[in-house]
Amino acid sequence: MDPRSFAASLRQALDINMTDIFTKAKRSQVMSSIRGKGNKKTELRLIEIFKNHRIKGWRRNSKLFGRPDFVFPNEKLAVFVDGCYWHGCPKHYRLPTTHIKYWSAKITRNRKRDREVGSALRKAGWRVLRIWEHALTRKQEVCTVRRILKALE
C-alpha cells in the first residue's frame, strides 16, 4: 500500500479530519510559488548521451522563452525533455484514478503550453526538438541520437 492511501485509510479509521491552516486560495498561492528545479534524472541521462556520442555545443539553464532543458545556440536549436506523465505521452500516460478532472485539465494545460512555447520559439527563428522521457532508455538511445543529429544538421 502506498503511503498516501495508508495515511488516508488511517485518518478514516481514526475519524481524523486534518484541517489546513490556510484558506484554499492561500494554499493555491503558496503551492504555485514552489518551483521545481528541473527534471534532473532525465537531463543527466541526456547529458550522458551527448557525451557518449560526442555531441558538442549544448548549454543548460538557458533564459530562452519556455526554459528549454538544453540549447545549441550556434544552431538555434532548443531541446526539451518531456516527462511521459507530466506532458501526456501518448504511449505511456495513464490518467490517475483519483482527481480525474484536475489531472486531465493539468495535462491538457501542459500540452497547450508546450505547443505555445514551440510556436513562439519557431517564430523567433529557433528550431525545437522535443524528446520523450522514454526515448532516453538504452534501448532507444540510437534512435534518439539520430533524431538529435538530424535536428543539428
Protein backbone atom coordinates (compact mmCIF):
# COMPACT_ATOMS: atom_id res chain seq x y z
CA MET A 1 0.00 0.00 0.00
CA ASP A 2 1.42 3.38 -0.92
CA PRO A 3 1.94 5.97 1.87
CA ARG A 4 -0.87 8.28 0.71
CA SER A 5 -3.56 5.63 0.69
CA PHE A 6 -2.25 4.30 4.03
CA ALA A 7 -2.49 7.78 5.57
CA ALA A 8 -5.97 8.28 4.12
CA SER A 9 -7.21 4.95 5.44
CA LEU A 10 -5.63 5.66 8.84
CA ARG A 11 -7.37 9.07 9.05
CA GLN A 12 -10.64 7.45 8.02
CA ALA A 13 -10.28 4.64 10.57
CA LEU A 14 -9.45 7.12 13.33
CA ASP A 15 -12.08 9.57 12.03
CA ILE A 16 -9.47 12.34 11.89
CA ASN A 17 -10.01 15.25 9.55
CA MET A 18 -6.87 17.27 9.21
CA THR A 19 -7.63 20.90 8.51
CA ASP A 20 -5.34 23.15 6.56
CA ILE A 21 -4.14 26.29 8.32
CA PHE A 22 -4.53 28.22 5.03
CA THR A 23 -7.61 29.09 3.03
CA LYS A 24 -8.00 27.32 -0.29
CA ALA A 25 -6.87 30.49 -2.15
CA LYS A 26 -3.83 30.98 0.10
CA ARG A 27 -2.85 27.28 -0.22
CA SER A 28 -3.07 27.63 -4.00
CA GLN A 29 -0.85 30.73 -3.90
CA VAL A 30 1.72 29.02 -1.67
CA MET A 31 1.84 25.89 -3.81
CA SER A 32 2.08 27.83 -7.09
CA SER A 33 5.11 29.72 -5.79
CA ILE A 34 7.06 26.48 -5.36
CA ARG A 35 9.18 25.91 -8.43
CA GLY A 36 10.82 22.67 -9.43
CA LYS A 37 14.50 22.52 -10.14
CA GLY A 38 14.05 20.63 -13.39
CA ASN A 39 13.83 17.03 -14.35
CA LYS A 40 17.33 16.21 -13.16
CA LYS A 41 17.33 12.46 -13.84
CA THR A 42 16.27 12.84 -17.48
CA GLU A 43 18.57 15.81 -18.06
CA LEU A 44 21.56 13.90 -16.66
CA ARG A 45 20.70 10.96 -18.89
CA LEU A 46 20.63 13.22 -21.96
CA ILE A 47 23.98 14.73 -20.94
CA GLU A 48 25.34 11.19 -20.78
CA ILE A 49 24.02 10.53 -24.30
CA PHE A 50 25.57 13.79 -25.57
CA LYS A 51 28.94 12.86 -24.07
CA ASN A 52 28.86 9.22 -25.22
CA HIS A 53 28.19 10.32 -28.79
CA ARG A 54 30.48 13.37 -28.71
CA ILE A 55 27.63 15.80 -29.34
CA LYS A 56 29.03 19.22 -28.51
CA GLY A 57 27.83 22.80 -28.38
CA TRP A 58 24.93 22.41 -25.96
CA ARG A 59 24.20 24.60 -22.98
CA ARG A 60 21.90 24.22 -19.97
CA ASN A 61 19.93 26.73 -17.90
CA SER A 62 19.14 28.98 -20.83
CA LYS A 63 16.96 32.00 -20.16
CA LEU A 64 15.30 31.47 -23.54
CA PHE A 65 11.49 31.64 -23.52
CA GLY A 66 9.96 28.38 -22.31
CA ARG A 67 13.18 27.46 -20.46
CA PRO A 68 14.40 24.63 -22.74
CA ASP A 69 16.37 21.90 -20.99
CA PHE A 70 19.22 22.33 -23.48
CA VAL A 71 20.04 24.79 -26.21
CA PHE A 72 22.50 24.63 -29.05
CA PRO A 73 22.98 28.40 -29.52
CA ASN A 74 25.04 28.22 -32.73
CA GLU A 75 22.43 26.01 -34.40
CA LYS A 76 19.50 27.83 -32.75
CA LEU A 77 18.08 24.52 -31.53
CA ALA A 78 16.06 24.28 -28.31
CA VAL A 79 15.75 20.80 -26.80
CA PHE A 80 13.03 19.89 -24.31
CA VAL A 81 12.92 16.57 -22.45
CA ASP A 82 9.25 15.90 -21.75
CA GLY A 83 8.30 13.57 -18.92
CA CYS A 84 5.84 10.91 -20.06
CA TYR A 85 3.49 11.64 -17.16
CA TRP A 86 3.61 15.45 -16.97
CA HIS A 87 3.35 16.04 -20.70
CA GLY A 88 0.84 13.29 -21.51
CA CYS A 89 2.92 10.88 -23.58
CA PRO A 90 0.55 9.08 -25.96
CA LYS A 91 2.47 5.86 -25.39
CA HIS A 92 2.73 5.83 -21.57
CA TYR A 93 0.40 8.38 -19.98
CA ARG A 94 -2.35 6.93 -17.84
CA LEU A 95 -4.93 9.21 -16.26
CA PRO A 96 -4.93 8.77 -12.48
CA THR A 97 -7.99 7.17 -10.95
CA THR A 98 -8.45 9.95 -8.38
CA HIS A 99 -8.96 13.66 -9.01
CA ILE A 100 -9.55 12.87 -12.68
CA LYS A 101 -10.94 16.31 -13.53
CA TYR A 102 -7.93 18.10 -12.01
CA TRP A 103 -5.29 15.89 -13.66
CA SER A 104 -6.99 15.89 -17.03
CA ALA A 105 -7.07 19.70 -17.03
CA LYS A 106 -3.47 19.88 -15.77
CA ILE A 107 -2.07 17.67 -18.53
CA THR A 108 -4.17 19.50 -21.15
CA ARG A 109 -2.71 22.83 -19.95
CA ASN A 110 0.82 21.39 -20.07
CA ARG A 111 0.33 20.19 -23.65
CA LYS A 112 -1.15 23.55 -24.68
CA ARG A 113 1.79 25.40 -23.10
CA ASP A 114 4.24 23.08 -24.91
CA ARG A 115 2.59 23.95 -28.25
CA GLU A 116 2.62 27.69 -27.46
CA VAL A 117 6.28 27.65 -26.40
CA GLY A 118 7.28 25.70 -29.53
CA SER A 119 5.36 28.09 -31.75
CA ALA A 120 6.87 31.19 -30.12
CA LEU A 121 10.40 29.80 -30.41
CA ARG A 122 9.90 28.91 -34.07
CA LYS A 123 8.60 32.43 -34.77
CA ALA A 124 11.79 33.74 -33.13
CA GLY A 125 13.89 31.68 -35.53
CA TRP A 126 14.63 28.69 -33.31
CA ARG A 127 14.11 25.04 -34.12
CA VAL A 128 12.52 22.93 -31.41
CA LEU A 129 13.20 19.29 -30.58
CA ARG A 130 11.05 17.52 -28.01
CA ILE A 131 12.30 14.23 -26.64
CA TRP A 132 10.05 11.96 -24.59
CA GLU A 133 11.44 10.63 -21.34
CA HIS A 134 11.03 7.04 -22.61
CA ALA A 135 13.34 7.83 -25.56
CA LEU A 136 16.28 8.13 -23.15
CA THR A 137 16.46 4.41 -22.41
CA ARG A 138 19.48 2.47 -23.63
CA LYS A 139 17.19 0.56 -25.96
CA GLN A 140 16.06 3.81 -27.64
CA GLU A 141 19.43 5.59 -27.48
CA VAL A 142 20.48 5.05 -31.11
CA CYS A 143 17.15 6.33 -32.42
CA THR A 144 17.31 9.36 -30.11
CA VAL A 145 20.87 10.19 -31.18
CA ARG A 146 19.78 10.04 -34.84
CA ARG A 147 16.95 12.50 -34.13
CA ILE A 148 19.34 14.88 -32.34
CA LEU A 149 21.95 14.73 -35.08
CA LYS A 150 19.30 15.27 -37.76
CA ALA A 151 17.98 18.30 -35.87
CA LEU A 152 21.52 19.68 -35.67
CA GLU A 153 22.06 19.50 -39.43
